[in-house]
Amino acid sequence: MRRLSKASKFNFFHLKEVKVLCRGKFDDDANLKGANRYMNMDYDLFMQEILKTARAEIEGAGYEQLRTPEAVEEAFARPGTTLVMVNSVCGCAGGIARPAAAQCVHYDKRPDNLVTVFAGQDKEATAAARYHFGEDHLPSSPSFVLLKDGQVVAEVGRYEIEGHDPMSVVTNLQANFEEYCDEL
């Protein structure tokens, strides 16, 4: 008997559920391509909703979205301090990094500018930001990079976010603000 991989098992059982949910629309196995299209459409709609929510969360916290390389260059040329959040759709971005990004700015010393690029979505903007961060920067998302007059002065990488609680990330970011930012 042929064994199915975990992914195959998931797809097989998920397709079976889709067939049930679609009330016989895909009655025979020849129509599984139709079921796959149906699932992909739902997945795409689901992902668009997640992206919309992730963008709204960070924008609502006061961060400017940089969606093009030109916007990145313009933002990084601003004088003063700039906190860059490299956003993502992963769980640690939604459960830890975005809440930390929103909370960390409630501090006496904070960056002059708050900006974000969205890894995996605004690919050219993210690549431009990572290029600016330099060769020593480990490209990870989510992450934070603090710039002062366009130069990287501090980073909080994914390894300092994933597996930590939002308040420990806030504390880490605010320690950087204390060192590099002016009181507002």
Foldseek 3Di string as FASTA:
>chain_A
DDDDDPVRVCVVVVLVVLCVVVPNPQVDPVCSVVSVVVVVVVVVVVVVVLVVVLVCLQVVLPAAEDLALVSLVVVLQDAWKEKEWAAESDPLRVQAVSVLSSPLQPDQFDTPHYYYYYPPPSPNNLVSNVVLQDPVDDDAPGKMFMDHNNYTDDIGHPVNRPPDHNVSVSVVVNVVRVVGTDGD
